[in-house]
Amino acid sequence: MEFEKAHQLLLDRHLTVRTGERRGRLSRGHQYAEKLMLRNVWWPLFGNLDDLHPEYEIYDWNRKSQFLDVAFLPSYGKFGLECDGYQSHVKDMDRQKFSYSLNRDTFLSGMGWRIIHFSFDDVQNRPEICRMLLQMVITPALLRNPSGQSLSPLEREILRLSWSQKKGLRPKDVMLQYDVSFRTARKQLQELVRKGLLRPVIQNTYVCYYEPVEGLSDWFL
C-alpha cells in the first residue's frame, strides 16, 4: 500500500471513532509537518502506520489535557513522536512555557512514555538522521529473538550499542561502556552471536569486531 492511501485510511479511521474536541483537534492539528514526519521518517522504517494515533490526547499532573503529534502504542510500550518547529517551540516560547514543556516530558517519562522530538528542519531536510535516532530509541523495545530465547538487560544494551558503532563493536567497547571485564564482554558478544543477533568479522583468523546481522531490523519490526 502506498503512503498516501495508508495515511488517509489512518485519518479516516480515527475521525470515525472520535467525537468533540478530540475529533476537532485531529482535523485542525494533523497538518503538513505531522504528515511529513510520518512520510519521511516513519514510513521508510516501518512501511505501515499500524498502532499510530495522530493528535493523541494525554494529561499532565494537573489533569490538563494535551495532545501529542503522534502516539505509537504497540503492545510493548508507549512512544510519543513530536515534530517541533523553531518558531512555535523555541522562538515564541517564554520561560513559563519552556518550564512546562520540560516538566511535561519528565512527567510522561515517569508514566512510562518515551517522548521523541524531531525538529521540522530535520524532518524536511535531514530525515535520515531522524530515522537513525528513531530506530535507536524504539529498537530495544522491539528486540525479540527469533529463536524465542530471552535477552538479558546487558544483552539488550550491547545490541543498542552495536547499532551506534560505525566501525563495529569490540570487547573493549563493551568493557568501557558497561564497566565489565574483558572475559565478560567477550562472553556476552559470543552469546549474541550464538543467538543469531551479531556476527563476528574475521581477519587473518582473528575476530576483529562484531556487527548486527543483516536483516536484524526485520526481526524487530
N, C-alpha and C. Protein backbone atom coordinates (compact mmCIF):
# COMPACT_ATOMS: atom_id res chain seq x y z
N MET A 1 0.84 -1.19 0.00
CA MET A 1 0.00 0.00 0.00
C MET A 1 0.88 1.25 0.00
N GLU A 2 0.51 2.24 -0.78
CA GLU A 2 1.26 3.48 -0.84
C GLU A 2 0.99 4.34 0.40
N PHE A 3 1.94 5.23 0.68
CA PHE A 3 1.82 6.04 1.89
C PHE A 3 0.55 6.88 1.88
N GLU A 4 0.25 7.55 0.78
CA GLU A 4 -0.90 8.46 0.74
C GLU A 4 -2.19 7.73 1.10
N LYS A 5 -2.36 6.55 0.55
CA LYS A 5 -3.58 5.78 0.84
C LYS A 5 -3.60 5.33 2.29
N ALA A 6 -2.45 4.84 2.78
CA ALA A 6 -2.38 4.39 4.18
C ALA A 6 -2.62 5.54 5.14
N HIS A 7 -2.10 6.72 4.81
CA HIS A 7 -2.28 7.89 5.68
C HIS A 7 -3.74 8.32 5.72
N GLN A 8 -4.39 8.32 4.56
CA GLN A 8 -5.80 8.70 4.53
C GLN A 8 -6.66 7.71 5.30
N LEU A 9 -6.35 6.43 5.19
CA LEU A 9 -7.08 5.42 5.96
C LEU A 9 -6.88 5.61 7.45
N LEU A 10 -5.67 5.99 7.85
CA LEU A 10 -5.39 6.25 9.26
C LEU A 10 -6.25 7.39 9.77
N LEU A 11 -6.29 8.49 9.05
CA LEU A 11 -7.09 9.64 9.47
C LEU A 11 -8.58 9.29 9.49
N ASP A 12 -9.06 8.64 8.44
CA ASP A 12 -10.48 8.29 8.37
C ASP A 12 -10.89 7.39 9.54
N ARG A 13 -10.01 6.45 9.88
CA ARG A 13 -10.33 5.53 10.98
C ARG A 13 -10.45 6.27 12.31
N HIS A 14 -9.56 7.20 12.56
CA HIS A 14 -9.60 7.92 13.83
C HIS A 14 -10.70 8.98 13.85
N LEU A 15 -10.96 9.60 12.72
CA LEU A 15 -12.05 10.58 12.66
C LEU A 15 -13.40 9.90 12.90
N THR A 16 -13.52 8.66 12.48
CA THR A 16 -14.78 7.93 12.62
C THR A 16 -15.11 7.65 14.09
N VAL A 17 -14.08 7.35 14.88
CA VAL A 17 -14.32 6.93 16.27
C VAL A 17 -14.20 8.08 17.27
N ARG A 18 -13.73 9.25 16.84
CA ARG A 18 -13.56 10.35 17.78
C ARG A 18 -14.74 11.32 17.73
N THR A 19 -14.94 11.99 18.85
CA THR A 19 -16.00 12.99 18.95
C THR A 19 -15.47 14.23 19.66
N GLY A 20 -16.23 15.32 19.58
CA GLY A 20 -15.90 16.53 20.33
C GLY A 20 -14.54 17.11 20.00
N GLU A 21 -13.84 17.59 21.03
CA GLU A 21 -12.56 18.25 20.85
C GLU A 21 -11.49 17.31 20.32
N ARG A 22 -11.55 16.05 20.68
CA ARG A 22 -10.56 15.10 20.18
C ARG A 22 -10.67 14.96 18.66
N ARG A 23 -11.88 15.00 18.15
CA ARG A 23 -12.06 14.94 16.70
C ARG A 23 -11.65 16.25 16.05
N GLY A 24 -12.03 17.37 16.71
CA GLY A 24 -11.66 18.68 16.18
C GLY A 24 -10.16 18.88 16.16
N ARG A 25 -9.49 18.42 17.20
CA ARG A 25 -8.04 18.57 17.26
C ARG A 25 -7.36 17.80 16.14
N LEU A 26 -7.88 16.61 15.82
CA LEU A 26 -7.30 15.82 14.74
C LEU A 26 -7.48 16.55 13.41
N SER A 27 -8.65 17.13 13.20
CA SER A 27 -8.92 17.85 11.94
C SER A 27 -8.03 19.09 11.81
N ARG A 28 -7.82 19.78 12.93
CA ARG A 28 -7.04 21.04 12.90
C ARG A 28 -5.55 20.82 13.05
N GLY A 29 -5.17 19.85 13.89
CA GLY A 29 -3.78 19.75 14.31
C GLY A 29 -2.88 18.90 13.44
N HIS A 30 -3.44 17.89 12.80
CA HIS A 30 -2.61 17.00 11.98
C HIS A 30 -2.50 17.59 10.59
N GLN A 31 -1.44 18.37 10.39
CA GLN A 31 -1.28 19.09 9.14
C GLN A 31 0.02 18.69 8.44
N TYR A 32 0.60 19.63 7.72
CA TYR A 32 1.73 19.34 6.84
C TYR A 32 2.92 18.74 7.59
N ALA A 33 3.32 19.37 8.71
CA ALA A 33 4.52 18.93 9.42
C ALA A 33 4.36 17.52 9.97
N GLU A 34 3.21 17.23 10.57
CA GLU A 34 2.98 15.92 11.15
C GLU A 34 2.93 14.84 10.07
N LYS A 35 2.29 15.16 8.96
CA LYS A 35 2.23 14.20 7.85
C LYS A 35 3.61 13.97 7.27
N LEU A 36 4.40 15.03 7.16
CA LEU A 36 5.75 14.90 6.62
C LEU A 36 6.61 14.02 7.52
N MET A 37 6.44 14.14 8.84
CA MET A 37 7.19 13.28 9.76
C MET A 37 6.86 11.81 9.51
N LEU A 38 5.61 11.49 9.31
CA LEU A 38 5.23 10.11 9.04
C LEU A 38 5.75 9.65 7.69
N ARG A 39 5.70 10.52 6.69
CA ARG A 39 6.16 10.15 5.35
C ARG A 39 7.68 9.96 5.28
N ASN A 40 8.42 10.93 5.84
CA ASN A 40 9.88 10.93 5.68
C ASN A 40 10.62 10.09 6.71
N VAL A 41 10.04 9.98 7.91
CA VAL A 41 10.75 9.32 9.00
C VAL A 41 10.17 7.93 9.29
N TRP A 42 8.86 7.88 9.54
CA TRP A 42 8.25 6.63 9.98
C TRP A 42 8.10 5.62 8.86
N TRP A 43 7.53 6.02 7.74
CA TRP A 43 7.19 5.10 6.66
C TRP A 43 8.39 4.35 6.10
N PRO A 44 9.53 5.00 5.86
CA PRO A 44 10.69 4.25 5.33
C PRO A 44 11.18 3.15 6.26
N LEU A 45 10.99 3.30 7.57
CA LEU A 45 11.42 2.28 8.51
C LEU A 45 10.41 1.15 8.65
N PHE A 46 9.13 1.50 8.77
CA PHE A 46 8.11 0.52 9.10
C PHE A 46 7.30 0.03 7.90
N GLY A 47 7.08 0.93 6.92
CA GLY A 47 6.28 0.54 5.77
C GLY A 47 4.81 0.38 6.06
N ASN A 48 4.36 0.82 7.24
CA ASN A 48 2.95 0.79 7.60
C ASN A 48 2.71 1.84 8.68
N LEU A 49 1.46 2.08 9.00
CA LEU A 49 1.09 3.05 10.03
C LEU A 49 0.34 2.38 11.16
N ASP A 50 0.64 1.13 11.41
CA ASP A 50 -0.03 0.36 12.45
C ASP A 50 0.28 0.93 13.83
N ASP A 51 -0.72 0.91 14.70
CA ASP A 51 -0.58 1.31 16.10
C ASP A 51 -0.25 2.79 16.28
N LEU A 52 -0.48 3.61 15.24
CA LEU A 52 -0.25 5.05 15.34
C LEU A 52 -1.56 5.77 15.64
N HIS A 53 -1.46 6.81 16.48
CA HIS A 53 -2.63 7.59 16.88
C HIS A 53 -2.29 9.07 16.73
N PRO A 54 -2.70 9.71 15.63
CA PRO A 54 -2.39 11.12 15.43
C PRO A 54 -3.17 12.01 16.40
N GLU A 55 -2.51 13.08 16.86
CA GLU A 55 -3.12 14.02 17.81
C GLU A 55 -3.74 13.25 18.98
N TYR A 56 -2.89 12.57 19.72
CA TYR A 56 -3.33 11.69 20.81
C TYR A 56 -3.41 12.48 22.12
N GLU A 57 -4.55 12.40 22.77
CA GLU A 57 -4.77 13.17 24.00
C GLU A 57 -4.10 12.51 25.20
N ILE A 58 -3.37 13.32 25.96
CA ILE A 58 -2.76 12.89 27.21
C ILE A 58 -3.09 13.92 28.28
N TYR A 59 -2.72 13.63 29.53
CA TYR A 59 -2.99 14.55 30.63
C TYR A 59 -1.73 14.74 31.46
N ASP A 60 -1.53 15.99 31.93
CA ASP A 60 -0.38 16.25 32.77
C ASP A 60 -0.73 15.98 34.23
N TRP A 61 0.18 16.37 35.14
CA TRP A 61 -0.02 16.08 36.56
C TRP A 61 -1.20 16.83 37.16
N ASN A 62 -1.67 17.87 36.49
CA ASN A 62 -2.84 18.62 36.95
C ASN A 62 -4.10 18.23 36.19
N ARG A 63 -4.02 17.11 35.46
CA ARG A 63 -5.14 16.64 34.63
C ARG A 63 -5.48 17.63 33.53
N LYS A 64 -4.48 18.40 33.10
CA LYS A 64 -4.66 19.31 31.99
C LYS A 64 -4.47 18.55 30.69
N SER A 65 -5.39 18.70 29.76
CA SER A 65 -5.37 17.97 28.51
C SER A 65 -4.31 18.54 27.57
N GLN A 66 -3.51 17.64 26.98
CA GLN A 66 -2.53 17.99 25.97
C GLN A 66 -2.62 16.97 24.84
N PHE A 67 -2.00 17.30 23.70
CA PHE A 67 -2.05 16.38 22.56
C PHE A 67 -0.65 16.15 22.02
N LEU A 68 -0.29 14.88 21.86
CA LEU A 68 0.95 14.51 21.19
C LEU A 68 0.71 14.54 19.68
N ASP A 69 1.72 14.94 18.92
CA ASP A 69 1.57 14.94 17.46
C ASP A 69 1.16 13.55 16.97
N VAL A 70 1.90 12.55 17.41
CA VAL A 70 1.59 11.16 17.05
C VAL A 70 1.99 10.27 18.22
N ALA A 71 1.12 9.36 18.61
CA ALA A 71 1.46 8.35 19.61
C ALA A 71 1.60 7.01 18.91
N PHE A 72 2.63 6.27 19.29
CA PHE A 72 2.83 4.90 18.82
C PHE A 72 2.58 3.99 20.00
N LEU A 73 1.52 3.18 19.92
CA LEU A 73 1.06 2.39 21.07
C LEU A 73 0.98 0.91 20.73
N PRO A 74 2.13 0.26 20.57
CA PRO A 74 2.13 -1.19 20.38
C PRO A 74 1.94 -1.87 21.72
N SER A 75 1.99 -3.17 21.72
CA SER A 75 1.77 -3.92 22.96
C SER A 75 2.95 -3.82 23.92
N TYR A 76 4.11 -3.38 23.43
CA TYR A 76 5.33 -3.41 24.24
C TYR A 76 5.80 -2.03 24.71
N GLY A 77 4.99 -0.98 24.55
CA GLY A 77 5.44 0.31 25.05
C GLY A 77 4.55 1.47 24.60
N LYS A 78 4.92 2.67 25.08
CA LYS A 78 4.21 3.89 24.73
C LYS A 78 5.23 4.92 24.27
N PHE A 79 5.08 5.37 23.03
CA PHE A 79 6.03 6.30 22.43
C PHE A 79 5.27 7.51 21.87
N GLY A 80 5.80 8.69 22.13
CA GLY A 80 5.22 9.91 21.58
C GLY A 80 6.19 10.55 20.60
N LEU A 81 5.72 10.86 19.38
CA LEU A 81 6.54 11.48 18.36
C LEU A 81 6.09 12.93 18.19
N GLU A 82 7.05 13.85 18.30
CA GLU A 82 6.74 15.27 18.18
C GLU A 82 7.60 15.90 17.08
N CYS A 83 6.98 16.66 16.20
CA CYS A 83 7.69 17.43 15.17
C CYS A 83 7.63 18.89 15.59
N ASP A 84 8.75 19.44 16.03
CA ASP A 84 8.79 20.78 16.63
C ASP A 84 9.37 21.80 15.65
N GLY A 85 8.59 22.83 15.39
CA GLY A 85 9.08 23.94 14.58
C GLY A 85 9.83 24.94 15.44
N TYR A 86 10.84 25.58 14.88
CA TYR A 86 11.64 26.53 15.66
C TYR A 86 10.80 27.71 16.13
N GLN A 87 9.94 28.21 15.27
CA GLN A 87 9.17 29.41 15.61
C GLN A 87 8.26 29.18 16.81
N SER A 88 7.49 28.08 16.76
CA SER A 88 6.48 27.86 17.79
C SER A 88 7.05 27.22 19.05
N HIS A 89 8.12 26.43 18.91
CA HIS A 89 8.61 25.68 20.06
C HIS A 89 9.85 26.27 20.70
N VAL A 90 10.47 27.26 20.06
CA VAL A 90 11.67 27.87 20.63
C VAL A 90 11.55 29.39 20.65
N LYS A 91 11.43 29.99 19.48
CA LYS A 91 11.47 31.44 19.39
C LYS A 91 10.34 32.11 20.13
N ASP A 92 9.14 31.54 20.04
CA ASP A 92 7.97 32.14 20.67
C ASP A 92 7.67 31.58 22.06
N MET A 93 8.58 30.79 22.62
CA MET A 93 8.33 30.17 23.91
C MET A 93 8.91 31.03 25.03
N ASP A 94 8.06 31.41 26.01
CA ASP A 94 8.56 32.17 27.15
C ASP A 94 9.06 31.21 28.22
N ARG A 95 9.55 31.75 29.34
CA ARG A 95 10.13 30.91 30.37
C ARG A 95 9.11 29.95 30.98
N GLN A 96 7.89 30.41 31.16
CA GLN A 96 6.86 29.55 31.75
C GLN A 96 6.54 28.38 30.83
N LYS A 97 6.39 28.65 29.55
CA LYS A 97 6.11 27.58 28.60
C LYS A 97 7.28 26.62 28.49
N PHE A 98 8.49 27.17 28.55
CA PHE A 98 9.68 26.33 28.48
C PHE A 98 9.73 25.37 29.68
N SER A 99 9.47 25.89 30.87
CA SER A 99 9.48 25.05 32.07
C SER A 99 8.39 23.99 31.99
N TYR A 100 7.21 24.39 31.54
CA TYR A 100 6.11 23.43 31.45
C TYR A 100 6.45 22.31 30.47
N SER A 101 7.08 22.66 29.34
CA SER A 101 7.43 21.66 28.34
C SER A 101 8.37 20.62 28.92
N LEU A 102 9.38 21.08 29.66
CA LEU A 102 10.32 20.14 30.27
C LEU A 102 9.64 19.28 31.33
N ASN A 103 8.82 19.91 32.16
CA ASN A 103 8.14 19.17 33.23
C ASN A 103 7.15 18.15 32.67
N ARG A 104 6.51 18.52 31.56
CA ARG A 104 5.55 17.59 30.95
C ARG A 104 6.26 16.34 30.45
N ASP A 105 7.39 16.52 29.78
CA ASP A 105 8.11 15.36 29.26
C ASP A 105 8.64 14.49 30.39
N THR A 106 9.09 15.13 31.48
CA THR A 106 9.57 14.37 32.63
C THR A 106 8.44 13.59 33.27
N PHE A 107 7.28 14.24 33.40
CA PHE A 107 6.10 13.57 33.96
C PHE A 107 5.70 12.37 33.10
N LEU A 108 5.68 12.55 31.78
CA LEU A 108 5.31 11.46 30.90
C LEU A 108 6.32 10.32 30.96
N SER A 109 7.59 10.67 31.14
CA SER A 109 8.61 9.62 31.31
C SER A 109 8.30 8.79 32.54
N GLY A 110 7.90 9.46 33.62
CA GLY A 110 7.55 8.76 34.85
C GLY A 110 6.31 7.89 34.68
N MET A 111 5.47 8.24 33.71
CA MET A 111 4.27 7.45 33.45
C MET A 111 4.51 6.36 32.40
N GLY A 112 5.76 6.18 32.02
CA GLY A 112 6.09 5.09 31.11
C GLY A 112 6.18 5.44 29.64
N TRP A 113 6.09 6.74 29.31
CA TRP A 113 6.19 7.17 27.92
C TRP A 113 7.64 7.39 27.53
N ARG A 114 7.93 7.21 26.23
CA ARG A 114 9.18 7.65 25.63
C ARG A 114 8.82 8.72 24.62
N ILE A 115 9.19 9.97 24.92
CA ILE A 115 8.86 11.08 24.03
C ILE A 115 10.06 11.37 23.13
N ILE A 116 9.81 11.38 21.82
CA ILE A 116 10.86 11.55 20.82
C ILE A 116 10.59 12.84 20.05
N HIS A 117 11.51 13.79 20.16
CA HIS A 117 11.35 15.09 19.49
C HIS A 117 12.22 15.17 18.24
N PHE A 118 11.62 15.63 17.15
CA PHE A 118 12.36 15.94 15.93
C PHE A 118 12.09 17.38 15.55
N SER A 119 13.10 18.06 15.02
CA SER A 119 12.87 19.40 14.51
C SER A 119 12.26 19.30 13.11
N PHE A 120 11.43 20.27 12.77
CA PHE A 120 10.84 20.27 11.43
C PHE A 120 11.92 20.35 10.35
N ASP A 121 12.98 21.12 10.61
CA ASP A 121 14.05 21.24 9.62
C ASP A 121 14.69 19.89 9.33
N ASP A 122 14.90 19.08 10.39
CA ASP A 122 15.49 17.75 10.17
C ASP A 122 14.52 16.82 9.45
N VAL A 123 13.26 16.87 9.84
CA VAL A 123 12.24 16.04 9.19
C VAL A 123 12.18 16.35 7.70
N GLN A 124 12.30 17.63 7.36
CA GLN A 124 12.18 18.04 5.97
C GLN A 124 13.47 17.84 5.18
N ASN A 125 14.61 18.18 5.78
CA ASN A 125 15.86 18.22 5.03
C ASN A 125 16.86 17.11 5.39
N ARG A 126 16.75 16.55 6.59
CA ARG A 126 17.70 15.52 7.02
C ARG A 126 16.96 14.35 7.67
N PRO A 127 16.00 13.78 6.98
CA PRO A 127 15.18 12.71 7.60
C PRO A 127 15.97 11.47 7.96
N GLU A 128 17.11 11.24 7.29
CA GLU A 128 17.91 10.06 7.61
C GLU A 128 18.42 10.11 9.05
N ILE A 129 18.70 11.32 9.56
CA ILE A 129 19.13 11.47 10.95
C ILE A 129 17.98 11.09 11.88
N CYS A 130 16.79 11.56 11.56
CA CYS A 130 15.61 11.25 12.37
C CYS A 130 15.34 9.75 12.38
N ARG A 131 15.48 9.12 11.23
CA ARG A 131 15.24 7.67 11.15
C ARG A 131 16.25 6.91 12.00
N MET A 132 17.50 7.33 11.95
CA MET A 132 18.52 6.67 12.75
C MET A 132 18.22 6.80 14.24
N LEU A 133 17.85 8.00 14.68
CA LEU A 133 17.55 8.23 16.09
C LEU A 133 16.29 7.49 16.51
N LEU A 134 15.28 7.50 15.67
CA LEU A 134 14.04 6.79 15.98
C LEU A 134 14.31 5.30 16.15
N GLN A 135 15.12 4.74 15.28
CA GLN A 135 15.45 3.32 15.38
C GLN A 135 16.20 3.01 16.66
N MET A 136 17.11 3.91 17.06
CA MET A 136 17.88 3.69 18.28
C MET A 136 16.99 3.70 19.52
N VAL A 137 15.95 4.54 19.51
CA VAL A 137 15.06 4.63 20.67
C VAL A 137 14.11 3.44 20.73
N ILE A 138 13.54 3.07 19.60
CA ILE A 138 12.50 2.05 19.59
C ILE A 138 13.05 0.64 19.52
N THR A 139 14.21 0.46 18.89
CA THR A 139 14.75 -0.88 18.70
C THR A 139 14.84 -1.72 19.97
N PRO A 140 15.36 -1.18 21.10
CA PRO A 140 15.45 -2.04 22.30
C PRO A 140 14.11 -2.62 22.74
N ALA A 141 13.04 -1.85 22.57
CA ALA A 141 11.72 -2.35 22.95
C ALA A 141 11.20 -3.39 21.97
N LEU A 142 11.71 -3.34 20.74
CA LEU A 142 11.25 -4.26 19.72
C LEU A 142 12.02 -5.57 19.71
N LEU A 143 13.12 -5.61 20.47
CA LEU A 143 14.00 -6.77 20.39
C LEU A 143 13.26 -8.05 20.77
N ARG A 144 13.18 -8.93 19.84
CA ARG A 144 12.60 -10.25 20.09
C ARG A 144 13.47 -11.27 19.36
N ASN A 145 14.11 -12.13 20.09
CA ASN A 145 14.97 -13.14 19.48
C ASN A 145 14.11 -14.10 18.66
N PRO A 146 14.40 -14.27 17.37
CA PRO A 146 13.56 -15.15 16.54
C PRO A 146 13.55 -16.59 17.00
N SER A 147 14.55 -17.02 17.75
CA SER A 147 14.56 -18.40 18.25
C SER A 147 13.74 -18.55 19.52
N GLY A 148 13.24 -17.44 20.06
CA GLY A 148 12.42 -17.49 21.25
C GLY A 148 13.20 -17.38 22.54
N GLN A 149 14.53 -17.26 22.46
CA GLN A 149 15.35 -17.14 23.66
C GLN A 149 15.28 -15.72 24.21
N SER A 150 15.24 -15.60 25.50
CA SER A 150 15.15 -14.28 26.11
C SER A 150 16.50 -13.58 26.09
N LEU A 151 16.46 -12.25 26.21
CA LEU A 151 17.67 -11.43 26.24
C LEU A 151 17.80 -10.78 27.61
N SER A 152 19.00 -10.80 28.14
CA SER A 152 19.25 -10.14 29.42
C SER A 152 19.32 -8.63 29.22
N PRO A 153 19.15 -7.85 30.30
CA PRO A 153 19.28 -6.39 30.16
C PRO A 153 20.61 -5.97 29.55
N LEU A 154 21.71 -6.65 29.93
CA LEU A 154 23.02 -6.29 29.37
C LEU A 154 23.08 -6.63 27.88
N GLU A 155 22.50 -7.75 27.48
CA GLU A 155 22.49 -8.10 26.06
C GLU A 155 21.71 -7.07 25.25
N ARG A 156 20.62 -6.60 25.80
CA ARG A 156 19.85 -5.56 25.10
C ARG A 156 20.67 -4.28 24.95
N GLU A 157 21.38 -3.91 26.00
CA GLU A 157 22.20 -2.70 25.95
C GLU A 157 23.34 -2.86 24.96
N ILE A 158 23.93 -4.04 24.90
CA ILE A 158 25.01 -4.27 23.95
C ILE A 158 24.50 -4.18 22.51
N LEU A 159 23.31 -4.70 22.27
CA LEU A 159 22.73 -4.58 20.93
C LEU A 159 22.46 -3.13 20.57
N ARG A 160 21.98 -2.36 21.55
CA ARG A 160 21.77 -0.93 21.32
C ARG A 160 23.11 -0.27 20.94
N LEU A 161 24.17 -0.63 21.68
CA LEU A 161 25.48 -0.06 21.41
C LEU A 161 25.97 -0.47 20.02
N SER A 162 25.68 -1.69 19.62
CA SER A 162 26.15 -2.16 18.31
C SER A 162 25.55 -1.34 17.18
N TRP A 163 24.32 -0.85 17.36
CA TRP A 163 23.68 -0.03 16.33
C TRP A 163 24.35 1.33 16.20
N SER A 164 24.94 1.81 17.29
CA SER A 164 25.52 3.15 17.29
C SER A 164 26.98 3.18 16.86
N GLN A 165 27.62 1.99 16.74
CA GLN A 165 29.03 1.91 16.37
C GLN A 165 29.17 1.87 14.85
N LYS A 166 29.93 2.79 14.29
CA LYS A 166 30.12 2.83 12.84
C LYS A 166 31.16 1.82 12.38
N LYS A 167 32.11 1.47 13.23
CA LYS A 167 33.21 0.59 12.84
C LYS A 167 33.13 -0.77 13.50
N GLY A 168 31.96 -1.16 13.94
CA GLY A 168 31.83 -2.45 14.59
C GLY A 168 32.08 -2.37 16.09
N LEU A 169 31.68 -3.40 16.78
CA LEU A 169 31.74 -3.43 18.25
C LEU A 169 32.82 -4.40 18.70
N ARG A 170 33.72 -3.92 19.56
CA ARG A 170 34.80 -4.74 20.10
C ARG A 170 34.55 -5.03 21.58
N PRO A 171 35.14 -6.09 22.13
CA PRO A 171 35.02 -6.34 23.56
C PRO A 171 35.46 -5.13 24.39
N LYS A 172 36.48 -4.41 23.90
CA LYS A 172 36.95 -3.23 24.62
C LYS A 172 35.87 -2.17 24.73
N ASP A 173 35.05 -2.02 23.68
CA ASP A 173 33.96 -1.04 23.71
C ASP A 173 32.94 -1.40 24.79
N VAL A 174 32.64 -2.68 24.89
CA VAL A 174 31.68 -3.15 25.90
C VAL A 174 32.27 -2.98 27.29
N MET A 175 33.56 -3.26 27.45
CA MET A 175 34.24 -3.09 28.75
C MET A 175 34.13 -1.65 29.24
N LEU A 176 34.45 -0.71 28.35
CA LEU A 176 34.47 0.70 28.74
C LEU A 176 33.06 1.24 28.98
N GLN A 177 32.11 0.80 28.17
CA GLN A 177 30.75 1.33 28.26
C GLN A 177 30.02 0.81 29.49
N TYR A 178 30.24 -0.46 29.85
CA TYR A 178 29.43 -1.07 30.91
C TYR A 178 30.26 -1.54 32.11
N ASP A 179 31.55 -1.18 32.12
CA ASP A 179 32.43 -1.46 33.26
C ASP A 179 32.41 -2.94 33.62
N VAL A 180 32.69 -3.77 32.62
CA VAL A 180 32.78 -5.21 32.84
C VAL A 180 34.17 -5.68 32.41
N SER A 181 34.54 -6.89 32.80
CA SER A 181 35.84 -7.44 32.45
C SER A 181 35.87 -7.84 30.98
N PHE A 182 37.08 -8.03 30.46
CA PHE A 182 37.23 -8.47 29.07
C PHE A 182 36.55 -9.82 28.87
N ARG A 183 36.71 -10.70 29.84
CA ARG A 183 36.11 -12.03 29.74
C ARG A 183 34.59 -11.95 29.63
N THR A 184 34.00 -11.10 30.47
CA THR A 184 32.54 -10.94 30.43
C THR A 184 32.09 -10.33 29.12
N ALA A 185 32.81 -9.30 28.67
CA ALA A 185 32.46 -8.64 27.42
C ALA A 185 32.50 -9.61 26.25
N ARG A 186 33.57 -10.39 26.16
CA ARG A 186 33.70 -11.35 25.06
C ARG A 186 32.62 -12.43 25.15
N LYS A 187 32.32 -12.88 26.36
CA LYS A 187 31.29 -13.90 26.54
C LYS A 187 29.93 -13.39 26.09
N GLN A 188 29.60 -12.14 26.43
CA GLN A 188 28.31 -11.57 26.04
C GLN A 188 28.22 -11.44 24.52
N LEU A 189 29.28 -11.01 23.89
CA LEU A 189 29.28 -10.87 22.43
C LEU A 189 29.14 -12.23 21.76
N GLN A 190 29.84 -13.22 22.29
CA GLN A 190 29.75 -14.56 21.71
C GLN A 190 28.35 -15.15 21.90
N GLU A 191 27.71 -14.83 23.02
CA GLU A 191 26.35 -15.32 23.25
C GLU A 191 25.37 -14.69 22.27
N LEU A 192 25.57 -13.42 21.94
CA LEU A 192 24.71 -12.76 20.96
C LEU A 192 24.95 -13.31 19.56
N VAL A 193 26.18 -13.73 19.29
CA VAL A 193 26.46 -14.41 18.03
C VAL A 193 25.72 -15.75 17.99
N ARG A 194 25.76 -16.48 19.10
CA ARG A 194 25.07 -17.77 19.17
C ARG A 194 23.58 -17.63 18.95
N LYS A 195 23.01 -16.52 19.43
CA LYS A 195 21.58 -16.28 19.29
C LYS A 195 21.22 -15.70 17.93
N GLY A 196 22.23 -15.46 17.10
CA GLY A 196 21.97 -15.01 15.74
C GLY A 196 21.71 -13.53 15.60
N LEU A 197 22.13 -12.73 16.58
CA LEU A 197 21.85 -11.30 16.56
C LEU A 197 23.08 -10.46 16.18
N LEU A 198 24.27 -10.99 16.41
CA LEU A 198 25.51 -10.35 15.97
C LEU A 198 26.30 -11.35 15.14
N ARG A 199 27.19 -10.82 14.33
CA ARG A 199 28.09 -11.70 13.57
C ARG A 199 29.52 -11.21 13.75
N PRO A 200 30.48 -12.15 13.88
CA PRO A 200 31.88 -11.75 14.03
C PRO A 200 32.47 -11.40 12.67
N VAL A 201 33.30 -10.37 12.63
CA VAL A 201 34.04 -10.01 11.42
C VAL A 201 35.48 -10.48 11.62
N ILE A 202 35.91 -11.43 10.79
CA ILE A 202 37.19 -12.10 10.99
C ILE A 202 38.20 -11.67 9.94
N GLN A 203 39.39 -11.35 10.40
CA GLN A 203 40.51 -11.03 9.51
C GLN A 203 41.74 -11.79 10.00
N ASN A 204 42.39 -12.52 9.08
CA ASN A 204 43.59 -13.30 9.43
C ASN A 204 43.32 -14.25 10.59
N THR A 205 42.19 -14.90 10.54
CA THR A 205 41.74 -15.92 11.52
C THR A 205 41.39 -15.33 12.89
N TYR A 206 41.44 -14.00 13.05
CA TYR A 206 41.10 -13.37 14.33
C TYR A 206 39.80 -12.57 14.20
N VAL A 207 39.01 -12.59 15.27
CA VAL A 207 37.80 -11.78 15.29
C VAL A 207 38.20 -10.33 15.60
N CYS A 208 37.95 -9.44 14.65
CA CYS A 208 38.32 -8.04 14.83
C CYS A 208 37.23 -7.25 15.55
N TYR A 209 35.99 -7.52 15.20
CA TYR A 209 34.87 -6.84 15.84
C TYR A 209 33.58 -7.58 15.51
N TYR A 210 32.49 -7.12 16.08
CA TYR A 210 31.18 -7.72 15.87
C TYR A 210 30.23 -6.65 15.31
N GLU A 211 29.26 -7.07 14.52
CA GLU A 211 28.29 -6.13 13.98
C GLU A 211 26.92 -6.80 13.89
N PRO A 212 25.84 -6.00 13.88
CA PRO A 212 24.49 -6.59 13.77
C PRO A 212 24.35 -7.39 12.48
N VAL A 213 23.65 -8.48 12.55
CA VAL A 213 23.47 -9.31 11.36
C VAL A 213 22.59 -8.57 10.36
N GLU A 214 22.78 -8.87 9.10
CA GLU A 214 21.97 -8.27 8.05
C GLU A 214 20.52 -8.70 8.21
N GLY A 215 19.61 -7.72 8.12
CA GLY A 215 18.19 -8.03 8.25
C GLY A 215 17.70 -8.07 9.69
N LEU A 216 18.56 -7.68 10.65
CA LEU A 216 18.15 -7.73 12.05
C LEU A 216 16.96 -6.83 12.30
N SER A 217 16.88 -5.67 11.62
CA SER A 217 15.75 -4.77 11.83
C SER A 217 14.44 -5.39 11.40
N ASP A 218 14.47 -6.34 10.45
CA ASP A 218 13.24 -7.02 10.05
C ASP A 218 12.67 -7.85 11.18
N TRP A 219 13.54 -8.43 12.03
CA TRP A 219 13.08 -9.18 13.18
C TRP A 219 12.45 -8.27 14.19
N PHE A 220 13.02 -7.05 14.34
CA PHE A 220 12.48 -6.10 15.30
C PHE A 220 11.09 -5.66 14.88
N LEU A 221 10.90 -5.40 13.59
CA LEU A 221 9.69 -4.74 13.12
C LEU A 221 8.65 -5.75 12.67
